């Protein structure tokens, strides 16, 4: 639910508004690259396949880095700073949202 409500909405908004809100695209690209790195790292640490590792390693990281580097070249410094804020905030919200949804799940699924 968290990904659908926040993640997909943010990606859709970024895709629709494009160049008008490059700061959102920069922040989301950072989150996407981090997501790919985390899935890949967790697979290596656990020595087993973790869902998202293949897409993270072969799609999110290379594509995200490519687009991020191209985007930064045509972006004002103010948008880069806002993008970094979106990245930090979004990345911090991931474990917080997982924790909260796990607690809610425990409350509603106790038998």
PDB file of N, CA and C in Angstrom:
ATOM      1  N   UNK A   1       0.816  -1.206   0.000  1.00  0.00           N
ATOM      2  CA  UNK A   1       0.000   0.000   0.000  1.00  0.00           C
ATOM      3  C   UNK A   1       0.856   1.265   0.000  1.00  0.00           C
ATOM      4  N   UNK A   2       1.948   1.221   0.738  1.00  0.00           N
ATOM      5  CA  UNK A   2       2.811   2.400   0.817  1.00  0.00           C
ATOM      6  C   UNK A   2       3.378   2.736  -0.561  1.00  0.00           C
ATOM      7  N   UNK A   3       3.873   1.708  -1.262  1.00  0.00           N
ATOM      8  CA  UNK A   3       4.427   1.947  -2.595  1.00  0.00           C
ATOM      9  C   UNK A   3       3.370   2.492  -3.552  1.00  0.00           C
ATOM     10  N   UNK A   4       2.175   1.935  -3.490  1.00  0.00           N
ATOM     11  CA  UNK A   4       1.119   2.365  -4.410  1.00  0.00           C
ATOM     12  C   UNK A   4       0.718   3.804  -4.120  1.00  0.00           C
ATOM     13  N   UNK A   5       0.478   4.109  -2.860  1.00  0.00           N
ATOM     14  CA  UNK A   5      -0.002   5.445  -2.506  1.00  0.00           C
ATOM     15  C   UNK A   5       1.074   6.512  -2.706  1.00  0.00           C
ATOM     16  N   UNK A   6       2.239   6.291  -2.158  1.00  0.00           N
ATOM     17  CA  UNK A   6       3.281   7.324  -2.211  1.00  0.00           C
ATOM     18  C   UNK A   6       4.212   7.164  -3.408  1.00  0.00           C
ATOM     19  N   UNK A   7       4.757   5.976  -3.565  1.00  0.00           N
ATOM     20  CA  UNK A   7       5.742   5.752  -4.619  1.00  0.00           C
ATOM     21  C   UNK A   7       5.183   5.937  -6.014  1.00  0.00           C
ATOM     22  N   UNK A   8       4.149   5.175  -6.344  1.00  0.00           N
ATOM     23  CA  UNK A   8       3.610   5.246  -7.689  1.00  0.00           C
ATOM     24  C   UNK A   8       3.021   6.613  -7.996  1.00  0.00           C
ATOM     25  N   UNK A   9       2.417   7.239  -7.001  1.00  0.00           N
ATOM     26  CA  UNK A   9       1.872   8.581  -7.209  1.00  0.00           C
ATOM     27  C   UNK A   9       2.988   9.572  -7.531  1.00  0.00           C
ATOM     28  N   UNK A  10       4.076   9.490  -6.803  1.00  0.00           N
ATOM     29  CA  UNK A  10       5.200  10.392  -7.041  1.00  0.00           C
ATOM     30  C   UNK A  10       5.818  10.146  -8.419  1.00  0.00           C
ATOM     31  N   UNK A  11       6.001   8.878  -8.797  1.00  0.00           N
ATOM     32  CA  UNK A  11       6.561   8.569 -10.117  1.00  0.00           C
ATOM     33  C   UNK A  11       5.635   9.039 -11.232  1.00  0.00           C
ATOM     34  N   UNK A  12       4.333   8.840 -11.066  1.00  0.00           N
ATOM     35  CA  UNK A  12       3.368   9.290 -12.070  1.00  0.00           C
ATOM     36  C   UNK A  12       3.394  10.807 -12.202  1.00  0.00           C
ATOM     37  N   UNK A  13       3.397  11.504 -11.075  1.00  0.00           N
ATOM     38  CA  UNK A  13       3.449  12.968 -11.078  1.00  0.00           C
ATOM     39  C   UNK A  13       4.721  13.456 -11.770  1.00  0.00           C
ATOM     40  N   UNK A  14       5.839  12.820 -11.470  1.00  0.00           N
ATOM     41  CA  UNK A  14       7.103  13.186 -12.095  1.00  0.00           C
ATOM     42  C   UNK A  14       7.064  12.943 -13.601  1.00  0.00           C
ATOM     43  N   UNK A  15       6.471  11.833 -14.022  1.00  0.00           N
ATOM     44  CA  UNK A  15       6.388  11.527 -15.452  1.00  0.00           C
ATOM     45  C   UNK A  15       5.476  12.518 -16.184  1.00  0.00           C
ATOM     46  N   UNK A  16       4.388  12.895 -15.551  1.00  0.00           N
ATOM     47  CA  UNK A  16       3.433  13.803 -16.198  1.00  0.00           C
ATOM     48  C   UNK A  16       3.995  15.223 -16.284  1.00  0.00           C
ATOM     49  N   UNK A  17       4.590  15.689 -15.204  1.00  0.00           N
ATOM     50  CA  UNK A  17       5.061  17.080 -15.162  1.00  0.00           C
ATOM     51  C   UNK A  17       6.480  17.256 -15.684  1.00  0.00           C
ATOM     52  N   UNK A  18       7.233  16.163 -15.764  1.00  0.00           N
ATOM     53  CA  UNK A  18       8.553  16.153 -16.395  1.00  0.00           C
ATOM     54  C   UNK A  18       9.474  17.293 -16.041  1.00  0.00           C
ATOM     55  N   UNK A  19       9.823  18.079 -17.051  1.00  0.00           N
ATOM     56  CA  UNK A  19      10.830  19.135 -16.912  1.00  0.00           C
ATOM     57  C   UNK A  19      10.414  20.236 -15.940  1.00  0.00           C
ATOM     58  N   UNK A  20       9.131  20.351 -15.660  1.00  0.00           N
ATOM     59  CA  UNK A  20       8.673  21.417 -14.759  1.00  0.00           C
ATOM     60  C   UNK A  20       9.021  21.147 -13.308  1.00  0.00           C
ATOM     61  N   UNK A  21       9.236  19.863 -12.962  1.00  0.00           N
ATOM     62  CA  UNK A  21       9.595  19.523 -11.585  1.00  0.00           C
ATOM     63  C   UNK A  21      10.767  18.527 -11.575  1.00  0.00           C
ATOM     64  N   UNK A  22      11.877  18.957 -12.141  1.00  0.00           N
ATOM     65  CA  UNK A  22      13.051  18.084 -12.204  1.00  0.00           C
ATOM     66  C   UNK A  22      13.537  17.673 -10.817  1.00  0.00           C
ATOM     67  N   UNK A  23      13.286  18.502  -9.821  1.00  0.00           N
ATOM     68  CA  UNK A  23      13.713  18.169  -8.462  1.00  0.00           C
ATOM     69  C   UNK A  23      13.073  16.868  -7.987  1.00  0.00           C
ATOM     70  N   UNK A  24      11.815  16.624  -8.355  1.00  0.00           N
ATOM     71  CA  UNK A  24      11.156  15.382  -7.964  1.00  0.00           C
ATOM     72  C   UNK A  24      11.792  14.192  -8.689  1.00  0.00           C
ATOM     73  N   UNK A  25      12.076  14.358  -9.963  1.00  0.00           N
ATOM     74  CA  UNK A  25      12.721  13.286 -10.730  1.00  0.00           C
ATOM     75  C   UNK A  25      14.090  12.945 -10.149  1.00  0.00           C
ATOM     76  N   UNK A  26      14.851  13.956  -9.770  1.00  0.00           N
ATOM     77  CA  UNK A  26      16.181  13.722  -9.195  1.00  0.00           C
ATOM     78  C   UNK A  26      16.064  12.955  -7.881  1.00  0.00           C
ATOM     79  N   UNK A  27      15.137  13.371  -7.030  1.00  0.00           N
ATOM     80  CA  UNK A  27      14.937  12.672  -5.764  1.00  0.00           C
ATOM     81  C   UNK A  27      14.501  11.230  -5.970  1.00  0.00           C
ATOM     82  N   UNK A  28      13.577  11.011  -6.902  1.00  0.00           N
ATOM     83  CA  UNK A  28      13.090   9.658  -7.174  1.00  0.00           C
ATOM     84  C   UNK A  28      14.169   8.785  -7.802  1.00  0.00           C
ATOM     85  N   UNK A  29      14.999   9.373  -8.647  1.00  0.00           N
ATOM     86  CA  UNK A  29      16.111   8.606  -9.216  1.00  0.00           C
ATOM     87  C   UNK A  29      17.067   8.145  -8.119  1.00  0.00           C
ATOM     88  N   UNK A  30      17.345   9.023  -7.169  1.00  0.00           N
ATOM     89  CA  UNK A  30      18.194   8.640  -6.035  1.00  0.00           C
ATOM     90  C   UNK A  30      17.588   7.494  -5.236  1.00  0.00           C
ATOM     91  N   UNK A  31      16.287   7.567  -4.994  1.00  0.00           N
ATOM     92  CA  UNK A  31      15.592   6.504  -4.261  1.00  0.00           C
ATOM     93  C   UNK A  31      15.633   5.202  -5.060  1.00  0.00           C
ATOM     94  N   UNK A  32      15.429   5.283  -6.366  1.00  0.00           N
ATOM     95  CA  UNK A  32      15.441   4.099  -7.227  1.00  0.00           C
ATOM     96  C   UNK A  32      16.814   3.428  -7.218  1.00  0.00           C
ATOM     97  N   UNK A  33      17.868   4.227  -7.336  1.00  0.00           N
ATOM     98  CA  UNK A  33      19.231   3.684  -7.310  1.00  0.00           C
ATOM     99  C   UNK A  33      19.512   3.033  -5.961  1.00  0.00           C
ATOM    100  N   UNK A  34      19.134   3.694  -4.884  1.00  0.00           N
ATOM    101  CA  UNK A  34      19.325   3.153  -3.536  1.00  0.00           C
ATOM    102  C   UNK A  34      18.551   1.848  -3.374  1.00  0.00           C
ATOM    103  N   UNK A  35      17.332   1.806  -3.878  1.00  0.00           N
ATOM    104  CA  UNK A  35      16.514   0.602  -3.824  1.00  0.00           C
ATOM    105  C   UNK A  35      17.240  -0.552  -4.518  1.00  0.00           C
ATOM    106  N   UNK A  36      17.767  -0.297  -5.692  1.00  0.00           N
ATOM    107  CA  UNK A  36      18.503  -1.331  -6.420  1.00  0.00           C
ATOM    108  C   UNK A  36      19.733  -1.803  -5.662  1.00  0.00           C
ATOM    109  N   UNK A  37      20.444  -0.868  -5.057  1.00  0.00           N
ATOM    110  CA  UNK A  37      21.645  -1.227  -4.290  1.00  0.00           C
ATOM    111  C   UNK A  37      21.282  -2.035  -3.049  1.00  0.00           C
ATOM    112  N   UNK A  38      20.191  -1.665  -2.374  1.00  0.00           N
ATOM    113  CA  UNK A  38      19.779  -2.380  -1.167  1.00  0.00           C
ATOM    114  C   UNK A  38      19.343  -3.812  -1.479  1.00  0.00           C
ATOM    115  N   UNK A  39      18.545  -3.993  -2.534  1.00  0.00           N
ATOM    116  CA  UNK A  39      18.123  -5.346  -2.893  1.00  0.00           C
ATOM    117  C   UNK A  39      19.322  -6.218  -3.283  1.00  0.00           C
ATOM    118  N   UNK A  40      20.244  -5.644  -4.031  1.00  0.00           N
ATOM    119  CA  UNK A  40      21.432  -6.392  -4.444  1.00  0.00           C
ATOM    120  C   UNK A  40      22.298  -6.729  -3.236  1.00  0.00           C
ATOM    121  N   UNK A  41      22.516  -5.761  -2.368  1.00  0.00           N
ATOM    122  CA  UNK A  41      23.330  -5.974  -1.170  1.00  0.00           C
ATOM    123  C   UNK A  41      22.712  -7.028  -0.256  1.00  0.00           C
ATOM    124  N   UNK A  42      21.402  -6.953  -0.065  1.00  0.00           N
ATOM    125  CA  UNK A  42      20.736  -7.930   0.797  1.00  0.00           C
ATOM    126  C   UNK A  42      20.840  -9.342   0.219  1.00  0.00           C
ATOM    127  N   UNK A  43      20.769  -9.467  -1.090  1.00  0.00           N
ATOM    128  CA  UNK A  43      20.942 -10.779  -1.714  1.00  0.00           C
ATOM    129  C   UNK A  43      22.341 -11.320  -1.479  1.00  0.00           C
ATOM    130  N   UNK A  44      23.323 -10.442  -1.605  1.00  0.00           N
ATOM    131  CA  UNK A  44      24.715 -10.869  -1.378  1.00  0.00           C
ATOM    132  C   UNK A  44      24.958 -11.231   0.084  1.00  0.00           C
ATOM    133  N   UNK A  45      24.447 -10.425   0.990  1.00  0.00           N
ATOM    134  CA  UNK A  45      24.634 -10.693   2.423  1.00  0.00           C
ATOM    135  C   UNK A  45      23.958 -12.007   2.818  1.00  0.00           C
ATOM    136  N   UNK A  46      22.735 -12.215   2.345  1.00  0.00           N
ATOM    137  CA  UNK A  46      21.975 -13.415   2.702  1.00  0.00           C
ATOM    138  C   UNK A  46      22.331 -14.629   1.845  1.00  0.00           C
ATOM    139  N   UNK A  47      23.133 -14.394   0.810  1.00  0.00           N
ATOM    140  CA  UNK A  47      23.563 -15.461  -0.110  1.00  0.00           C
ATOM    141  C   UNK A  47      22.386 -16.229  -0.698  1.00  0.00           C
ATOM    142  N   UNK A  48      21.332 -15.467  -1.016  1.00  0.00           N
ATOM    143  CA  UNK A  48      20.179 -16.051  -1.689  1.00  0.00           C
ATOM    144  C   UNK A  48      19.485 -14.944  -2.473  1.00  0.00           C
ATOM    145  N   UNK A  49      18.656 -15.386  -3.398  1.00  0.00           N
ATOM    146  CA  UNK A  49      17.918 -14.419  -4.215  1.00  0.00           C
ATOM    147  C   UNK A  49      16.877 -13.702  -3.374  1.00  0.00           C
ATOM    148  N   UNK A  50      16.860 -12.391  -3.495  1.00  0.00           N
ATOM    149  CA  UNK A  50      15.853 -11.556  -2.849  1.00  0.00           C
ATOM    150  C   UNK A  50      15.065 -10.900  -3.992  1.00  0.00           C
ATOM    151  N   UNK A  51      13.733 -10.977  -3.971  1.00  0.00           N
ATOM    152  CA  UNK A  51      12.965 -10.336  -5.043  1.00  0.00           C
ATOM    153  C   UNK A  51      13.371  -8.871  -5.214  1.00  0.00           C
ATOM    154  N   UNK A  52      13.604  -8.489  -6.429  1.00  0.00           N
ATOM    155  CA  UNK A  52      14.047  -7.129  -6.717  1.00  0.00           C
ATOM    156  C   UNK A  52      15.529  -7.039  -7.015  1.00  0.00           C
ATOM    157  N   UNK A  53      16.289  -8.112  -6.740  1.00  0.00           N
ATOM    158  CA  UNK A  53      17.729  -8.056  -6.977  1.00  0.00           C
ATOM    159  C   UNK A  53      18.055  -7.933  -8.464  1.00  0.00           C
ATOM    160  N   UNK A  54      17.419  -8.724  -9.294  1.00  0.00           N
ATOM    161  CA  UNK A  54      17.720  -8.708 -10.729  1.00  0.00           C
ATOM    162  C   UNK A  54      17.356  -7.352 -11.337  1.00  0.00           C
ATOM    163  N   UNK A  55      16.156  -6.865 -11.061  1.00  0.00           N
ATOM    164  CA  UNK A  55      15.765  -5.558 -11.598  1.00  0.00           C
ATOM    165  C   UNK A  55      16.617  -4.449 -10.996  1.00  0.00           C
ATOM    166  N   UNK A  56      16.964  -4.584  -9.730  1.00  0.00           N
ATOM    167  CA  UNK A  56      17.811  -3.581  -9.096  1.00  0.00           C
ATOM    168  C   UNK A  56      19.185  -3.513  -9.727  1.00  0.00           C
ATOM    169  N   UNK A  57      19.787  -4.680  -9.905  1.00  0.00           N
ATOM    170  CA  UNK A  57      21.159  -4.753 -10.421  1.00  0.00           C
ATOM    171  C   UNK A  57      21.248  -4.390 -11.897  1.00  0.00           C
ATOM    172  N   UNK A  58      20.299  -4.866 -12.692  1.00  0.00           N
ATOM    173  CA  UNK A  58      20.411  -4.694 -14.137  1.00  0.00           C
ATOM    174  C   UNK A  58      19.530  -3.597 -14.728  1.00  0.00           C
ATOM    175  N   UNK A  59      18.637  -3.034 -13.919  1.00  0.00           N
ATOM    176  CA  UNK A  59      17.760  -1.990 -14.435  1.00  0.00           C
ATOM    177  C   UNK A  59      17.838  -0.720 -13.587  1.00  0.00           C
ATOM    178  N   UNK A  60      17.484  -0.819 -12.302  1.00  0.00           N
ATOM    179  CA  UNK A  60      17.412   0.379 -11.461  1.00  0.00           C
ATOM    180  C   UNK A  60      18.747   1.105 -11.333  1.00  0.00           C
ATOM    181  N   UNK A  61      19.807   0.374 -11.034  1.00  0.00           N
ATOM    182  CA  UNK A  61      21.105   1.031 -10.813  1.00  0.00           C
ATOM    183  C   UNK A  61      21.652   1.628 -12.108  1.00  0.00           C
ATOM    184  N   UNK A  62      21.833   0.840 -13.185  1.00  0.00           N
ATOM    185  CA  UNK A  62      22.419   1.454 -14.390  1.00  0.00           C
ATOM    186  C   UNK A  62      21.529   2.508 -15.039  1.00  0.00           C
ATOM    187  N   UNK A  63      20.233   2.215 -15.175  1.00  0.00           N
ATOM    188  CA  UNK A  63      19.327   3.181 -15.797  1.00  0.00           C
ATOM    189  C   UNK A  63      19.203   4.428 -14.928  1.00  0.00           C
ATOM    190  N   UNK A  64      19.064   4.235 -13.620  1.00  0.00           N
ATOM    191  CA  UNK A  64      18.952   5.359 -12.701  1.00  0.00           C
ATOM    192  C   UNK A  64      20.165   6.270 -12.737  1.00  0.00           C
ATOM    193  N   UNK A  65      21.354   5.668 -12.729  1.00  0.00           N
ATOM    194  CA  UNK A  65      22.590   6.466 -12.796  1.00  0.00           C
ATOM    195  C   UNK A  65      22.701   7.209 -14.121  1.00  0.00           C
ATOM    196  N   UNK A  66      22.385   6.527 -15.218  1.00  0.00           N
ATOM    197  CA  UNK A  66      22.452   7.149 -16.543  1.00  0.00           C
ATOM    198  C   UNK A  66      21.536   8.367 -16.618  1.00  0.00           C
ATOM    199  N   UNK A  67      20.282   8.180 -16.225  1.00  0.00           N
ATOM    200  CA  UNK A  67      19.310   9.278 -16.306  1.00  0.00           C
ATOM    201  C   UNK A  67      19.659  10.386 -15.320  1.00  0.00           C
ATOM    202  N   UNK A  68      20.091  10.015 -14.117  1.00  0.00           N
ATOM    203  CA  UNK A  68      20.458  11.022 -13.120  1.00  0.00           C
ATOM    204  C   UNK A  68      21.601  11.896 -13.620  1.00  0.00           C
ATOM    205  N   UNK A  69      22.628  11.289 -14.181  1.00  0.00           N
ATOM    206  CA  UNK A  69      23.770  12.062 -14.690  1.00  0.00           C
ATOM    207  C   UNK A  69      23.365  12.967 -15.852  1.00  0.00           C
ATOM    208  N   UNK A  70      22.491  12.483 -16.719  1.00  0.00           N
ATOM    209  CA  UNK A  70      22.000  13.310 -17.836  1.00  0.00           C
ATOM    210  C   UNK A  70      21.121  14.455 -17.329  1.00  0.00           C
ATOM    211  N   UNK A  71      20.297  14.176 -16.332  1.00  0.00           N
ATOM    212  CA  UNK A  71      19.364  15.171 -15.804  1.00  0.00           C
ATOM    213  C   UNK A  71      20.093  16.282 -15.059  1.00  0.00           C
ATOM    214  N   UNK A  72      21.078  15.912 -14.261  1.00  0.00           N
ATOM    215  CA  UNK A  72      21.797  16.910 -13.466  1.00  0.00           C
ATOM    216  C   UNK A  72      22.473  17.952 -14.357  1.00  0.00           C
ATOM    217  N   UNK A  73      22.899  17.549 -15.552  1.00  0.00           N
ATOM    218  CA  UNK A  73      23.575  18.477 -16.466  1.00  0.00           C
ATOM    219  C   UNK A  73      22.678  19.630 -16.914  1.00  0.00           C
ATOM    220  N   UNK A  74      21.367  19.414 -16.923  1.00  0.00           N
ATOM    221  CA  UNK A  74      20.444  20.441 -17.415  1.00  0.00           C
ATOM    222  C   UNK A  74      19.558  21.011 -16.306  1.00  0.00           C
ATOM    223  N   UNK A  75      19.977  20.824 -15.073  1.00  0.00           N
ATOM    224  CA  UNK A  75      19.141  21.205 -13.940  1.00  0.00           C
ATOM    225  C   UNK A  75      19.786  22.331 -13.135  1.00  0.00           C
ATOM    226  N   UNK A  76      18.963  23.270 -12.714  1.00  0.00           N
ATOM    227  CA  UNK A  76      19.428  24.368 -11.873  1.00  0.00           C
ATOM    228  C   UNK A  76      19.814  23.830 -10.490  1.00  0.00           C
ATOM    229  N   UNK A  77      20.738  24.500  -9.843  1.00  0.00           N
ATOM    230  CA  UNK A  77      21.237  24.071  -8.530  1.00  0.00           C
ATOM    231  C   UNK A  77      20.107  23.998  -7.504  1.00  0.00           C
ATOM    232  N   UNK A  78      19.130  24.891  -7.599  1.00  0.00           N
ATOM    233  CA  UNK A  78      18.003  24.872  -6.666  1.00  0.00           C
ATOM    234  C   UNK A  78      17.221  23.564  -6.784  1.00  0.00           C
ATOM    235  N   UNK A  79      17.027  23.104  -8.017  1.00  0.00           N
ATOM    236  CA  UNK A  79      16.320  21.848  -8.231  1.00  0.00           C
ATOM    237  C   UNK A  79      17.147  20.653  -7.755  1.00  0.00           C
ATOM    238  N   UNK A  80      18.445  20.735  -7.889  1.00  0.00           N
ATOM    239  CA  UNK A  80      19.313  19.658  -7.397  1.00  0.00           C
ATOM    240  C   UNK A  80      19.215  19.573  -5.874  1.00  0.00           C
ATOM    241  N   UNK A  81      19.237  20.724  -5.210  1.00  0.00           N
ATOM    242  CA  UNK A  81      19.121  20.748  -3.745  1.00  0.00           C
ATOM    243  C   UNK A  81      17.765  20.184  -3.308  1.00  0.00           C
ATOM    244  N   UNK A  82      16.684  20.603  -3.966  1.00  0.00           N
ATOM    245  CA  UNK A  82      15.358  20.068  -3.645  1.00  0.00           C
ATOM    246  C   UNK A  82      15.299  18.562  -3.915  1.00  0.00           C
ATOM    247  N   UNK A  83      15.959  18.129  -4.985  1.00  0.00           N
ATOM    248  CA  UNK A  83      16.015  16.700  -5.300  1.00  0.00           C
ATOM    249  C   UNK A  83      16.720  15.909  -4.218  1.00  0.00           C
ATOM    250  N   UNK A  84      17.787  16.465  -3.675  1.00  0.00           N
ATOM    251  CA  UNK A  84      18.509  15.807  -2.580  1.00  0.00           C
ATOM    252  C   UNK A  84      17.617  15.712  -1.343  1.00  0.00           C
ATOM    253  N   UNK A  85      16.852  16.755  -1.084  1.00  0.00           N
ATOM    254  CA  UNK A  85      15.919  16.731   0.053  1.00  0.00           C
ATOM    255  C   UNK A  85      14.851  15.653  -0.149  1.00  0.00           C
ATOM    256  N   UNK A  86      14.300  15.558  -1.363  1.00  0.00           N
ATOM    257  CA  UNK A  86      13.321  14.511  -1.673  1.00  0.00           C
ATOM    258  C   UNK A  86      13.948  13.136  -1.485  1.00  0.00           C
ATOM    259  N   UNK A  87      15.159  12.964  -1.972  1.00  0.00           N
ATOM    260  CA  UNK A  87      15.874  11.691  -1.847  1.00  0.00           C
ATOM    261  C   UNK A  87      16.056  11.303  -0.381  1.00  0.00           C
ATOM    262  N   UNK A  88      16.563  12.218   0.434  1.00  0.00           N
ATOM    263  CA  UNK A  88      16.812  11.925   1.849  1.00  0.00           C
ATOM    264  C   UNK A  88      15.498  11.632   2.569  1.00  0.00           C
ATOM    265  N   UNK A  89      14.486  12.462   2.329  1.00  0.00           N
ATOM    266  CA  UNK A  89      13.189  12.264   2.978  1.00  0.00           C
ATOM    267  C   UNK A  89      12.546  10.947   2.544  1.00  0.00           C
ATOM    268  N   UNK A  90      12.540  10.696   1.249  1.00  0.00           N
ATOM    269  CA  UNK A  90      11.943   9.467   0.733  1.00  0.00           C
ATOM    270  C   UNK A  90      12.658   8.223   1.225  1.00  0.00           C
ATOM    271  N   UNK A  91      13.979   8.286   1.267  1.00  0.00           N
ATOM    272  CA  UNK A  91      14.764   7.147   1.740  1.00  0.00           C
ATOM    273  C   UNK A  91      14.515   6.907   3.223  1.00  0.00           C
ATOM    274  N   UNK A  92      14.398   7.962   3.998  1.00  0.00           N
ATOM    275  CA  UNK A  92      14.120   7.823   5.430  1.00  0.00           C
ATOM    276  C   UNK A  92      12.717   7.286   5.679  1.00  0.00           C
ATOM    277  N   UNK A  93      11.783   7.636   4.821  1.00  0.00           N
ATOM    278  CA  UNK A  93      10.400   7.187   5.006  1.00  0.00           C
ATOM    279  C   UNK A  93      10.205   5.701   4.709  1.00  0.00           C
ATOM    280  N   UNK A  94      11.104   5.109   3.946  1.00  0.00           N
ATOM    281  CA  UNK A  94      10.941   3.694   3.598  1.00  0.00           C
ATOM    282  C   UNK A  94      10.964   2.799   4.842  1.00  0.00           C
ATOM    283  N   UNK A  95      12.027   2.833   5.659  1.00  0.00           N
ATOM    284  CA  UNK A  95      12.000   1.960   6.839  1.00  0.00           C
ATOM    285  C   UNK A  95      10.918   2.352   7.847  1.00  0.00           C
ATOM    286  N   UNK A  96      10.615   3.635   7.937  1.00  0.00           N
ATOM    287  CA  UNK A  96       9.559   4.081   8.847  1.00  0.00           C
ATOM    288  C   UNK A  96       8.217   3.511   8.398  1.00  0.00           C
ATOM    289  N   UNK A  97       7.929   3.581   7.104  1.00  0.00           N
ATOM    290  CA  UNK A  97       6.656   3.059   6.602  1.00  0.00           C
ATOM    291  C   UNK A  97       6.577   1.538   6.740  1.00  0.00           C
ATOM    292  N   UNK A  98       7.692   0.847   6.548  1.00  0.00           N
ATOM    293  CA  UNK A  98       7.713  -0.610   6.738  1.00  0.00           C
ATOM    294  C   UNK A  98       7.408  -0.946   8.195  1.00  0.00           C
ATOM    295  N   UNK A  99       8.028  -0.228   9.109  1.00  0.00           N
ATOM    296  CA  UNK A  99       7.802  -0.454  10.537  1.00  0.00           C
ATOM    297  C   UNK A  99       6.330  -0.233  10.890  1.00  0.00           C
ATOM    298  N   UNK A 100       5.779   0.877  10.445  1.00  0.00           N
ATOM    299  CA  UNK A 100       4.384   1.207  10.766  1.00  0.00           C
ATOM    300  C   UNK A 100       3.429   0.178  10.169  1.00  0.00           C
ATOM    301  N   UNK A 101       3.634  -0.194   8.899  1.00  0.00           N
ATOM    302  CA  UNK A 101       2.728  -1.168   8.280  1.00  0.00           C
ATOM    303  C   UNK A 101       2.858  -2.536   8.934  1.00  0.00           C
ATOM    304  N   UNK A 102       4.048  -2.899   9.388  1.00  0.00           N
ATOM    305  CA  UNK A 102       4.200  -4.166  10.115  1.00  0.00           C
ATOM    306  C   UNK A 102       3.437  -4.131  11.435  1.00  0.00           C
ATOM    307  N   UNK A 103       3.490  -3.007  12.138  1.00  0.00           N
ATOM    308  CA  UNK A 103       2.750  -2.866  13.393  1.00  0.00           C
ATOM    309  C   UNK A 103       1.242  -2.929  13.150  1.00  0.00           C
ATOM    310  N   UNK A 104       0.778  -2.259  12.112  1.00  0.00           N
ATOM    311  CA  UNK A 104      -0.654  -2.286  11.773  1.00  0.00           C
ATOM    312  C   UNK A 104      -1.066  -3.716  11.411  1.00  0.00           C
ATOM    313  N   UNK A 105      -0.233  -4.385  10.633  1.00  0.00           N
ATOM    314  CA  UNK A 105      -0.515  -5.773  10.244  1.00  0.00           C
ATOM    315  C   UNK A 105      -0.619  -6.672  11.463  1.00  0.00           C
ATOM    316  N   UNK A 106       0.266  -6.479  12.421  1.00  0.00           N
ATOM    317  CA  UNK A 106       0.220  -7.270  13.651  1.00  0.00           C
ATOM    318  C   UNK A 106      -1.068  -7.018  14.433  1.00  0.00           C
ATOM    319  N   UNK A 107      -1.505  -5.760  14.483  1.00  0.00           N
ATOM    320  CA  UNK A 107      -2.729  -5.420  15.204  1.00  0.00           C
ATOM    321  C   UNK A 107      -3.960  -6.075  14.594  1.00  0.00           C
ATOM    322  N   UNK A 108      -4.040  -6.064  13.282  1.00  0.00           N
ATOM    323  CA  UNK A 108      -5.236  -6.566  12.610  1.00  0.00           C
ATOM    324  C   UNK A 108      -5.212  -8.072  12.357  1.00  0.00           C
ATOM    325  N   UNK A 109      -4.067  -8.682  12.459  1.00  0.00           N
ATOM    326  CA  UNK A 109      -3.980 -10.110  12.154  1.00  0.00           C
ATOM    327  C   UNK A 109      -3.718 -10.984  13.385  1.00  0.00           C
ATOM    328  N   UNK A 110      -3.902 -10.421  14.564  1.00  0.00           N
ATOM    329  CA  UNK A 110      -3.774 -11.233  15.784  1.00  0.00           C
ATOM    330  C   UNK A 110      -4.962 -12.145  15.918  1.00  0.00           C
ATOM    331  N   UNK A 111      -4.681 -13.393  16.263  1.00  0.00           N
ATOM    332  CA  UNK A 111      -5.772 -14.354  16.426  1.00  0.00           C
ATOM    333  C   UNK A 111      -5.674 -15.044  17.757  1.00  0.00           C
TER     334      UNK A 111
END
